[in-house]
C-alpha atoms as a PDB file:
ATOM      1  CA  MET A   1      51.971 124.078  54.636  1.00  0.00           C
ATOM      2  CA  GLU A   2      53.326 127.287  53.475  1.00  0.00           C
ATOM      3  CA  ASP A   3      51.954 129.505  50.761  1.00  0.00           C
ATOM      4  CA  ASP A   4      52.926 131.934  48.630  1.00  0.00           C
ATOM      5  CA  PRO A   5      51.142 134.781  48.443  1.00  0.00           C
ATOM      6  CA  ARG A   6      51.978 135.814  44.556  1.00  0.00           C
ATOM      7  CA  ARG A   7      50.543 132.291  43.658  1.00  0.00           C
ATOM      8  CA  HIS A   8      46.805 133.369  42.711  1.00  0.00           C
ATOM      9  CA  ASP A   9      48.470 136.551  40.751  1.00  0.00           C
ATOM     10  CA  LEU A  10      51.252 134.640  38.792  1.00  0.00           C
ATOM     11  CA  ARG A  11      49.293 131.477  38.210  1.00  0.00           C
ATOM     12  CA  ALA A  12      47.054 133.166  35.740  1.00  0.00           C
ATOM     13  CA  VAL A  13      49.753 135.030  33.525  1.00  0.00           C
ATOM     14  CA  PHE A  14      49.771 132.211  31.524  1.00  0.00           C
ATOM     15  CA  ASN A  15      46.939 133.097  29.432  1.00  0.00           C
ATOM     16  CA  ARG A  16      48.197 136.903  28.053  1.00  0.00           C
ATOM     17  CA  ALA A  17      50.251 134.919  25.392  1.00  0.00           C
ATOM     18  CA  ALA A  18      48.552 131.695  25.039  1.00  0.00           C
ATOM     19  CA  GLU A  19      49.532 131.047  20.771  1.00  0.00           C
ATOM     20  CA  ASP A  20      53.018 132.017  22.354  1.00  0.00           C
ATOM     21  CA  TYR A  21      53.432 129.469  25.065  1.00  0.00           C
ATOM     22  CA  GLN A  22      51.629 126.536  23.136  1.00  0.00           C
ATOM     23  CA  ARG A  23      54.733 127.614  20.509  1.00  0.00           C
ATOM     24  CA  SER A  24      56.972 127.252  22.806  1.00  0.00           C
ATOM     25  CA  ARG A  25      57.088 125.961  25.724  1.00  0.00           C
ATOM     26  CA  PRO A  26      58.878 122.297  26.199  1.00  0.00           C
ATOM     27  CA  VAL A  27      57.307 119.126  25.788  1.00  0.00           C
ATOM     28  CA  LEU A  28      58.214 116.367  27.951  1.00  0.00           C
ATOM     29  CA  PRO A  29      59.998 113.152  26.436  1.00  0.00           C
ATOM     30  CA  ALA A  30      58.511 110.181  25.064  1.00  0.00           C
ATOM     31  CA  GLY A  31      59.514 108.121  27.284  1.00  0.00           C
ATOM     32  CA  LEU A  32      58.408 110.114  29.625  1.00  0.00           C
ATOM     33  CA  PHE A  33      54.877 109.452  28.606  1.00  0.00           C
ATOM     34  CA  ASP A  34      54.889 106.262  28.594  1.00  0.00           C
ATOM     35  CA  ASP A  35      56.138 105.294  31.683  1.00  0.00           C
ATOM     36  CA  LEU A  36      53.698 107.328  33.045  1.00  0.00           C
ATOM     37  CA  THR A  37      51.079 105.055  31.513  1.00  0.00           C
ATOM     38  CA  TYR A  38      53.157 102.116  33.033  1.00  0.00           C
ATOM     39  CA  LEU A  39      53.593 102.864  36.456  1.00  0.00           C
ATOM     40  CA  ALA A  40      50.676 104.033  37.035  1.00  0.00           C
ATOM     41  CA  GLY A  41      48.983 101.505  35.698  1.00  0.00           C
ATOM     42  CA  LEU A  42      47.055 102.762  32.766  1.00  0.00           C
ATOM     43  CA  ARG A  43      44.954 101.471  29.815  1.00  0.00           C
ATOM     44  CA  PRO A  44      42.836 102.576  27.277  1.00  0.00           C
ATOM     45  CA  GLY A  45      39.867 103.852  27.687  1.00  0.00           C
ATOM     46  CA  ASP A  46      41.160 104.438  31.610  1.00  0.00           C
ATOM     47  CA  ARG A  47      39.680 107.636  33.272  1.00  0.00           C
ATOM     48  CA  VAL A  48      42.452 110.720  33.720  1.00  0.00           C
ATOM     49  CA  ILE A  49      41.471 114.175  34.947  1.00  0.00           C
ATOM     50  CA  GLU A  50      44.580 116.117  34.476  1.00  0.00           C
ATOM     51  CA  ILE A  51      44.927 119.951  36.396  1.00  0.00           C
ATOM     52  CA  GLY A  52      46.127 123.452  34.611  1.00  0.00           C
ATOM     53  CA  CYS A  53      46.633 121.407  31.244  1.00  0.00           C
ATOM     54  CA  GLY A  54      47.682 124.486  29.376  1.00  0.00           C
ATOM     55  CA  THR A  55      47.851 124.408  25.682  1.00  0.00           C
ATOM     56  CA  GLY A  56      47.790 121.125  25.953  1.00  0.00           C
ATOM     57  CA  GLN A  57      51.354 120.065  25.830  1.00  0.00           C
ATOM     58  CA  ALA A  58      50.725 116.670  28.247  1.00  0.00           C
ATOM     59  CA  THR A  59      47.470 116.003  27.260  1.00  0.00           C
ATOM     60  CA  VAL A  60      47.654 115.171  23.449  1.00  0.00           C
ATOM     61  CA  PRO A  61      50.357 112.509  24.289  1.00  0.00           C
ATOM     62  CA  LEU A  62      48.013 111.294  26.880  1.00  0.00           C
ATOM     63  CA  ALA A  63      44.965 111.468  24.445  1.00  0.00           C
ATOM     64  CA  GLU A  64      47.461 109.357  21.619  1.00  0.00           C
ATOM     65  CA  ARG A  65      47.847 106.641  24.495  1.00  0.00           C
ATOM     66  CA  GLY A  66      43.895 106.209  24.397  1.00  0.00           C
ATOM     67  CA  LEU A  67      43.103 107.541  28.125  1.00  0.00           C
ATOM     68  CA  ALA A  68      39.086 109.281  28.386  1.00  0.00           C
ATOM     69  CA  ILE A  69      40.544 113.218  29.128  1.00  0.00           C
ATOM     70  CA  THR A  70      38.932 115.751  31.434  1.00  0.00           C
ATOM     71  CA  ALA A  71      41.396 118.451  31.503  1.00  0.00           C
ATOM     72  CA  VAL A  72      40.836 121.755  33.976  1.00  0.00           C
ATOM     73  CA  GLU A  73      42.515 124.902  32.911  1.00  0.00           C
ATOM     74  CA  LEU A  74      42.065 128.002  34.266  1.00  0.00           C
ATOM     75  CA  GLY A  75      42.988 130.546  31.230  1.00  0.00           C
ATOM     76  CA  ALA A  76      39.924 130.738  28.882  1.00  0.00           C
ATOM     77  CA  GLU A  77      42.464 131.389  26.051  1.00  0.00           C
ATOM     78  CA  LEU A  78      44.887 128.177  26.624  1.00  0.00           C
ATOM     79  CA  ALA A  79      41.804 125.965  27.147  1.00  0.00           C
ATOM     80  CA  ALA A  80      40.768 127.435  23.964  1.00  0.00           C
ATOM     81  CA  VAL A  81      43.836 126.523  22.143  1.00  0.00           C
ATOM     82  CA  ALA A  82      43.142 122.908  23.928  1.00  0.00           C
ATOM     83  CA  ARG A  83      40.636 122.222  22.572  1.00  0.00           C
ATOM     84  CA  ARG A  84      40.980 122.890  19.158  1.00  0.00           C
ATOM     85  CA  ARG A  85      44.147 120.550  20.095  1.00  0.00           C
ATOM     86  CA  VAL A  86      42.192 117.690  21.285  1.00  0.00           C
ATOM     87  CA  ALA A  87      39.532 118.093  19.351  1.00  0.00           C
ATOM     88  CA  GLY A  88      40.241 115.052  16.855  1.00  0.00           C
ATOM     89  CA  PHE A  89      39.867 113.029  20.758  1.00  0.00           C
ATOM     90  CA  PRO A  90      36.267 112.259  21.360  1.00  0.00           C
ATOM     91  CA  ALA A  91      37.392 110.796  25.062  1.00  0.00           C
ATOM     92  CA  VAL A  92      38.727 114.319  26.015  1.00  0.00           C
ATOM     93  CA  GLU A  93      36.914 117.335  27.353  1.00  0.00           C
ATOM     94  CA  VAL A  94      38.326 120.561  28.668  1.00  0.00           C
ATOM     95  CA  VAL A  95      36.830 122.198  30.950  1.00  0.00           C
ATOM     96  CA  THR A  96      37.700 126.320  31.691  1.00  0.00           C
ATOM     97  CA  SER A  97      37.678 126.521  35.578  1.00  0.00           C
ATOM     98  CA  SER A  98      39.637 126.823  38.466  1.00  0.00           C
ATOM     99  CA  PHE A  99      40.889 122.968  39.831  1.00  0.00           C
ATOM    100  CA  GLU A 100      39.821 124.513  43.133  1.00  0.00           C
ATOM    101  CA  ASP A 101      36.418 125.712  41.780  1.00  0.00           C
ATOM    102  CA  TRP A 102      36.068 122.817  39.970  1.00  0.00           C
ATOM    103  CA  PRO A 103      32.533 120.528  40.832  1.00  0.00           C
ATOM    104  CA  PRO A 104      34.050 116.729  39.391  1.00  0.00           C
ATOM    105  CA  PRO A 105      31.452 114.178  38.004  1.00  0.00           C
ATOM    106  CA  GLY A 106      30.826 111.489  40.647  1.00  0.00           C
ATOM    107  CA  ALA A 107      32.494 108.317  39.173  1.00  0.00           C
ATOM    108  CA  PRO A 108      36.219 108.361  40.471  1.00  0.00           C
ATOM    109  CA  ALA A 109      39.003 108.761  38.372  1.00  0.00           C
ATOM    110  CA  ASP A 110      41.933 106.371  37.569  1.00  0.00           C
ATOM    111  CA  ALA A 111      44.533 109.206  37.563  1.00  0.00           C
ATOM    112  CA  VAL A 112      44.972 112.605  38.534  1.00  0.00           C
ATOM    113  CA  VAL A 113      48.446 114.254  36.208  1.00  0.00           C
ATOM    114  CA  ALA A 114      49.746 117.331  37.075  1.00  0.00           C
ATOM    115  CA  VAL A 115      52.261 118.360  34.435  1.00  0.00           C
ATOM    116  CA  ASN A 116      53.810 122.210  35.972  1.00  0.00           C
ATOM    117  CA  CYS A 117      51.471 123.481  37.701  1.00  0.00           C
ATOM    118  CA  LEU A 118      50.803 121.593  40.705  1.00  0.00           C
ATOM    119  CA  HIS A 119      52.479 124.477  42.960  1.00  0.00           C
ATOM    120  CA  TRP A 120      49.851 126.826  41.905  1.00  0.00           C
ATOM    121  CA  ILE A 121      47.254 124.779  43.725  1.00  0.00           C
ATOM    122  CA  ASP A 122      45.967 125.755  46.827  1.00  0.00           C
ATOM    123  CA  PRO A 123      48.064 123.806  49.756  1.00  0.00           C
ATOM    124  CA  GLU A 124      45.428 123.195  51.261  1.00  0.00           C
ATOM    125  CA  LEU A 125      43.284 121.441  48.208  1.00  0.00           C
ATOM    126  CA  ARG A 126      46.733 120.511  46.319  1.00  0.00           C
ATOM    127  CA  TYR A 127      46.691 116.804  47.646  1.00  0.00           C
ATOM    128  CA  ALA A 128      43.415 116.603  49.782  1.00  0.00           C
ATOM    129  CA  LYS A 129      41.242 117.034  46.179  1.00  0.00           C
ATOM    130  CA  PRO A 130      43.198 114.652  43.709  1.00  0.00           C
ATOM    131  CA  HIS A 131      42.592 111.893  47.085  1.00  0.00           C
ATOM    132  CA  GLY A 132      38.936 112.340  46.908  1.00  0.00           C
ATOM    133  CA  LEU A 133      38.691 112.430  42.827  1.00  0.00           C
ATOM    134  CA  LEU A 134      40.366 108.992  42.892  1.00  0.00           C
ATOM    135  CA  ARG A 135      39.600 105.638  43.117  1.00  0.00           C
ATOM    136  CA  PRO A 136      40.912 103.927  45.979  1.00  0.00           C
ATOM    137  CA  GLY A 137      44.965 102.623  44.673  1.00  0.00           C
ATOM    138  CA  GLY A 138      44.613 105.240  41.817  1.00  0.00           C
ATOM    139  CA  ALA A 139      47.145 107.022  40.952  1.00  0.00           C
ATOM    140  CA  LEU A 140      48.760 111.047  41.576  1.00  0.00           C
ATOM    141  CA  VAL A 141      51.351 111.384  38.722  1.00  0.00           C
ATOM    142  CA  VAL A 142      52.899 114.701  39.291  1.00  0.00           C
ATOM    143  CA  ALA A 143      55.506 115.569  35.882  1.00  0.00           C
ATOM    144  CA  GLY A 144      57.252 118.610  34.720  1.00  0.00           C
ATOM    145  CA  CYS A 145      60.721 119.572  33.874  1.00  0.00           C
ATOM    146  CA  GLN A 146      63.551 122.048  35.048  1.00  0.00           C
ATOM    147  CA  TRP A 147      65.853 124.056  33.042  1.00  0.00           C
ATOM    148  CA  ALA A 148      69.522 122.568  33.241  1.00  0.00           C
ATOM    149  CA  ARG A 149      73.068 124.355  31.952  1.00  0.00           C
ATOM    150  CA  PRO A 150      75.292 121.752  30.860  1.00  0.00           C
ATOM    151  CA  ALA A 151      79.614 122.000  31.213  1.00  0.00           C
ATOM    152  CA  ASP A 152      79.687 122.638  27.400  1.00  0.00           C
ATOM    153  CA  ALA A 153      76.566 125.638  27.109  1.00  0.00           C
ATOM    154  CA  GLY A 154      76.974 128.592  24.544  1.00  0.00           C
ATOM    155  CA  ARG A 155      78.611 131.535  26.403  1.00  0.00           C
ATOM    156  CA  PHE A 156      74.787 132.868  26.216  1.00  0.00           C
ATOM    157  CA  TRP A 157      73.341 130.976  29.113  1.00  0.00           C
ATOM    158  CA  THR A 158      76.226 132.681  31.274  1.00  0.00           C
ATOM    159  CA  ASP A 159      75.755 136.034  30.189  1.00  0.00           C
ATOM    160  CA  VAL A 160      72.093 136.318  29.879  1.00  0.00           C
ATOM    161  CA  GLN A 161      72.459 136.611  33.769  1.00  0.00           C
ATOM    162  CA  GLU A 162      73.206 140.233  33.427  1.00  0.00           C
ATOM    163  CA  ASP A 163      70.300 140.930  31.891  1.00  0.00           C
ATOM    164  CA  TYR A 164      67.954 139.325  34.775  1.00  0.00           C
ATOM    165  CA  ARG A 165      70.094 141.091  37.117  1.00  0.00           C
ATOM    166  CA  ALA A 166      69.257 144.183  35.028  1.00  0.00           C
ATOM    167  CA  ALA A 167      65.762 143.410  35.263  1.00  0.00           C
ATOM    168  CA  GLY A 168      65.994 143.476  38.827  1.00  0.00           C
ATOM    169  CA  LEU A 169      65.779 139.124  38.753  1.00  0.00           C
ATOM    170  CA  GLU A 170      67.737 136.735  40.727  1.00  0.00           C
ATOM    171  CA  GLY A 171      70.245 136.142  37.369  1.00  0.00           C
ATOM    172  CA  THR A 172      71.574 133.057  38.701  1.00  0.00           C
ATOM    173  CA  PRO A 173      72.822 130.070  35.930  1.00  0.00           C
ATOM    174  CA  PRO A 174      70.489 126.982  36.538  1.00  0.00           C
ATOM    175  CA  PRO A 175      72.995 123.810  37.483  1.00  0.00           C
ATOM    176  CA  PRO A 176      74.146 121.341  35.343  1.00  0.00           C
ATOM    177  CA  PRO A 177      71.501 118.475  34.685  1.00  0.00           C
ATOM    178  CA  GLU A 178      73.853 116.263  36.443  1.00  0.00           C
ATOM    179  CA  GLN A 179      72.796 118.033  40.088  1.00  0.00           C
ATOM    180  CA  ILE A 180      69.051 118.059  39.249  1.00  0.00           C
ATOM    181  CA  GLY A 181      67.578 114.332  41.231  1.00  0.00           C
ATOM    182  CA  PRO A 182      63.972 113.380  40.934  1.00  0.00           C
ATOM    183  CA  GLU A 183      61.313 115.005  42.729  1.00  0.00           C
ATOM    184  CA  HIS A 184      59.956 113.945  45.001  1.00  0.00           C
ATOM    185  CA  LEU A 185      56.347 113.535  47.049  1.00  0.00           C
ATOM    186  CA  PRO A 186      56.283 116.106  49.867  1.00  0.00           C
ATOM    187  CA  PRO A 187      55.797 115.157  53.075  1.00  0.00           C
ATOM    188  CA  GLU A 188      51.868 117.541  53.141  1.00  0.00           C
ATOM    189  CA  ALA A 189      51.414 114.913  50.512  1.00  0.00           C
ATOM    190  CA  ALA A 190      51.994 111.667  52.490  1.00  0.00           C
ATOM    191  CA  PRO A 191      48.971 111.238  54.503  1.00  0.00           C
ATOM    192  CA  TYR A 192      47.024 110.846  51.114  1.00  0.00           C
ATOM    193  CA  PHE A 193      49.107 109.348  48.920  1.00  0.00           C
ATOM    194  CA  THR A 194      52.316 106.511  48.292  1.00  0.00           C
ATOM    195  CA  GLU A 195      55.429 107.442  46.290  1.00  0.00           C
ATOM    196  CA  THR A 196      55.776 104.069  44.003  1.00  0.00           C
ATOM    197  CA  ALA A 197      58.315 105.767  41.321  1.00  0.00           C
ATOM    198  CA  ALA A 198      60.101 109.494  40.989  1.00  0.00           C
ATOM    199  CA  LEU A 199      62.222 109.315  37.312  1.00  0.00           C
ATOM    200  CA  ARG A 200      64.526 111.874  35.997  1.00  0.00           C
ATOM    201  CA  TYR A 201      64.315 112.795  31.868  1.00  0.00           C
ATOM    202  CA  PRO A 202      67.441 115.077  30.961  1.00  0.00           C
ATOM    203  CA  PHE A 203      66.698 116.315  27.531  1.00  0.00           C
ATOM    204  CA  GLN A 204      67.573 118.830  24.840  1.00  0.00           C
ATOM    205  CA  LEU A 205      65.472 120.951  22.866  1.00  0.00           C
ATOM    206  CA  ARG A 206      66.233 123.546  19.603  1.00  0.00           C
ATOM    207  CA  TYR A 207      65.027 127.623  19.466  1.00  0.00           C
ATOM    208  CA  SER A 208      65.322 129.659  17.142  1.00  0.00           C
ATOM    209  CA  PRO A 209      65.602 133.027  19.212  1.00  0.00           C
ATOM    210  CA  GLU A 210      62.179 134.309  18.225  1.00  0.00           C
ATOM    211  CA  ASP A 211      61.035 131.469  19.941  1.00  0.00           C
ATOM    212  CA  TYR A 212      62.909 131.564  22.844  1.00  0.00           C
ATOM    213  CA  LEU A 213      62.253 135.372  22.988  1.00  0.00           C
ATOM    214  CA  ALA A 214      58.701 134.078  23.029  1.00  0.00           C
ATOM    215  CA  ASN A 215      59.057 131.596  25.658  1.00  0.00           C
ATOM    216  CA  LEU A 216      60.840 133.912  27.846  1.00  0.00           C
ATOM    217  CA  GLY A 217      57.588 136.181  27.871  1.00  0.00           C
ATOM    218  CA  THR A 218      55.436 133.170  29.040  1.00  0.00           C
ATOM    219  CA  GLN A 219      57.633 133.065  31.922  1.00  0.00           C
ATOM    220  CA  SER A 220      56.251 133.756  35.155  1.00  0.00           C
ATOM    221  CA  VAL A 221      59.039 135.648  36.731  1.00  0.00           C
ATOM    222  CA  THR A 222      58.947 137.526  33.645  1.00  0.00           C
ATOM    223  CA  GLN A 223      55.685 138.151  33.909  1.00  0.00           C
ATOM    224  CA  SER A 224      56.013 139.196  37.323  1.00  0.00           C
ATOM    225  CA  LEU A 225      57.470 142.011  35.786  1.00  0.00           C
ATOM    226  CA  SER A 226      56.050 145.504  35.354  1.00  0.00           C
ATOM    227  CA  GLU A 227      55.190 145.962  31.375  1.00  0.00           C
ATOM    228  CA  PRO A 228      57.838 148.706  31.215  1.00  0.00           C
ATOM    229  CA  GLN A 229      60.075 146.171  33.174  1.00  0.00           C
ATOM    230  CA  ARG A 230      59.204 143.530  31.243  1.00  0.00           C
ATOM    231  CA  ALA A 231      59.523 145.123  27.592  1.00  0.00           C
ATOM    232  CA  GLU A 232      63.001 146.287  28.769  1.00  0.00           C
ATOM    233  CA  PHE A 233      64.340 143.045  29.566  1.00  0.00           C
ATOM    234  CA  LEU A 234      63.146 141.364  26.856  1.00  0.00           C
ATOM    235  CA  ALA A 235      64.728 143.779  24.630  1.00  0.00           C
ATOM    236  CA  ARG A 236      67.893 143.853  26.775  1.00  0.00           C
ATOM    237  CA  VAL A 237      67.613 139.644  25.982  1.00  0.00           C
ATOM    238  CA  ARG A 238      66.812 140.432  22.270  1.00  0.00           C
ATOM    239  CA  HIS A 239      70.144 142.762  21.994  1.00  0.00           C
ATOM    240  CA  ARG A 240      72.747 140.235  23.330  1.00  0.00           C
ATOM    241  CA  LEU A 241      71.282 137.633  20.904  1.00  0.00           C
ATOM    242  CA  ASP A 242      71.548 139.516  18.146  1.00  0.00           C
ATOM    243  CA  SER A 243      75.220 140.729  19.270  1.00  0.00           C
ATOM    244  CA  LEU A 244      75.805 136.861  19.458  1.00  0.00           C
ATOM    245  CA  GLY A 245      74.712 136.453  15.950  1.00  0.00           C
ATOM    246  CA  LEU A 246      73.592 133.380  17.371  1.00  0.00           C
ATOM    247  CA  PRO A 247      71.225 131.508  14.602  1.00  0.00           C
ATOM    248  CA  GLY A 248      69.702 129.220  17.329  1.00  0.00           C
ATOM    249  CA  LEU A 249      69.708 128.049  21.155  1.00  0.00           C
ATOM    250  CA  THR A 250      70.130 124.091  22.444  1.00  0.00           C
ATOM    251  CA  ALA A 251      67.945 124.157  25.997  1.00  0.00           C
ATOM    252  CA  THR A 252      68.755 121.972  28.357  1.00  0.00           C
ATOM    253  CA  PHE A 253      66.312 120.544  30.467  1.00  0.00           C
ATOM    254  CA  VAL A 254      65.734 117.901  32.835  1.00  0.00           C
ATOM    255  CA  GLY A 255      62.077 115.932  32.962  1.00  0.00           C
ATOM    256  CA  HIS A 256      61.213 114.810  36.157  1.00  0.00           C
ATOM    257  CA  LEU A 257      58.193 111.707  36.698  1.00  0.00           C
ATOM    258  CA  THR A 258      56.158 111.371  40.347  1.00  0.00           C
ATOM    259  CA  ILE A 259      53.396 108.527  40.966  1.00  0.00           C
ATOM    260  CA  GLY A 260      51.965 108.537  44.081  1.00  0.00           C
ATOM    261  CA  ARG A 261      49.235 105.990  44.357  1.00  0.00           C
ATOM    262  CA  ARG A 262      46.247 106.915  46.745  1.00  0.00           C
ATOM    263  CA  ARG A 263      46.281 106.133  50.279  1.00  0.00           C
ATOM    264  CA  GLY A 264      42.830 104.610  51.556  1.00  0.00           C
END
C-alpha cells in the first residue's frame, strides 16, 4: 500500500477553519443515510464508531436515525463544533484523538463509518483497525462525495481553472457526473472485508459567493499552499466571481456509499 507523504500534515489542515468547514462543506443526501442504515443492517441503538467526524456533517444524520455513536476527530476545533451540534443526542460522544491512537472500548461495534476521510488514515491501519473494532458480520461504511461539472454548468467552473493554474495547482475541470461511477473497496481491504454494496448519489447545492470561497478555503489543495499563495489564489477567485456578477453558484457533486462486511 502506497502512502502519501503529505497525508499526515494535510489531514490536520481542516481544523484551521472549523466554522467555515461547518457552514460550507456539502452534506450528503438524506437518501444516502437511509440506504446506509438499511444496507449496513443498523437499527436504533446499534453502536457505531465514526472516523474523522469533522463538524458532524454525517454524525447528525446518523444520530437522527437513533444510532449510538462514538465519533473520533483529530482536530480539537472541529470536534468542539461537532459536540455542540450533537448536544441533544445523549447516545453520541465526540472524542478528540487521531483514529490511529484512539484506544477503543472493549465492546465490539456494529458498524464503523468513514465519510470523506478514510484516505487520511495510516494505510497499515486503514482496514485492519476497523476490522478489529467490529463484531462478526459488522459493517465498514465508506462514504463521501466528489465535485462534478455537468454539461450545462456555468462558465465560472471552466474559467476558474485559470486561477488554479496561476497558483501552481492542477487546474483541470472535474468530470461530468455521468463519468463518476461508484467507489469500490480497494484490493488491500479484501483480507478484512467483503464488499456488499456500492452506490452513487448525484446532487447539487446552491452556494453564495461567500460560502463558496469559504468552502474553497477549507479544501486541502488550498491549504497545501503557503499563506501568501493561498491569499492570492482566493483573491483571484473572488475577483472572478465579482467580475461575473454572480448572485450564487450551483455546485454539482456525486456522493458515494460503499458497504463492506467484516470477514471472520
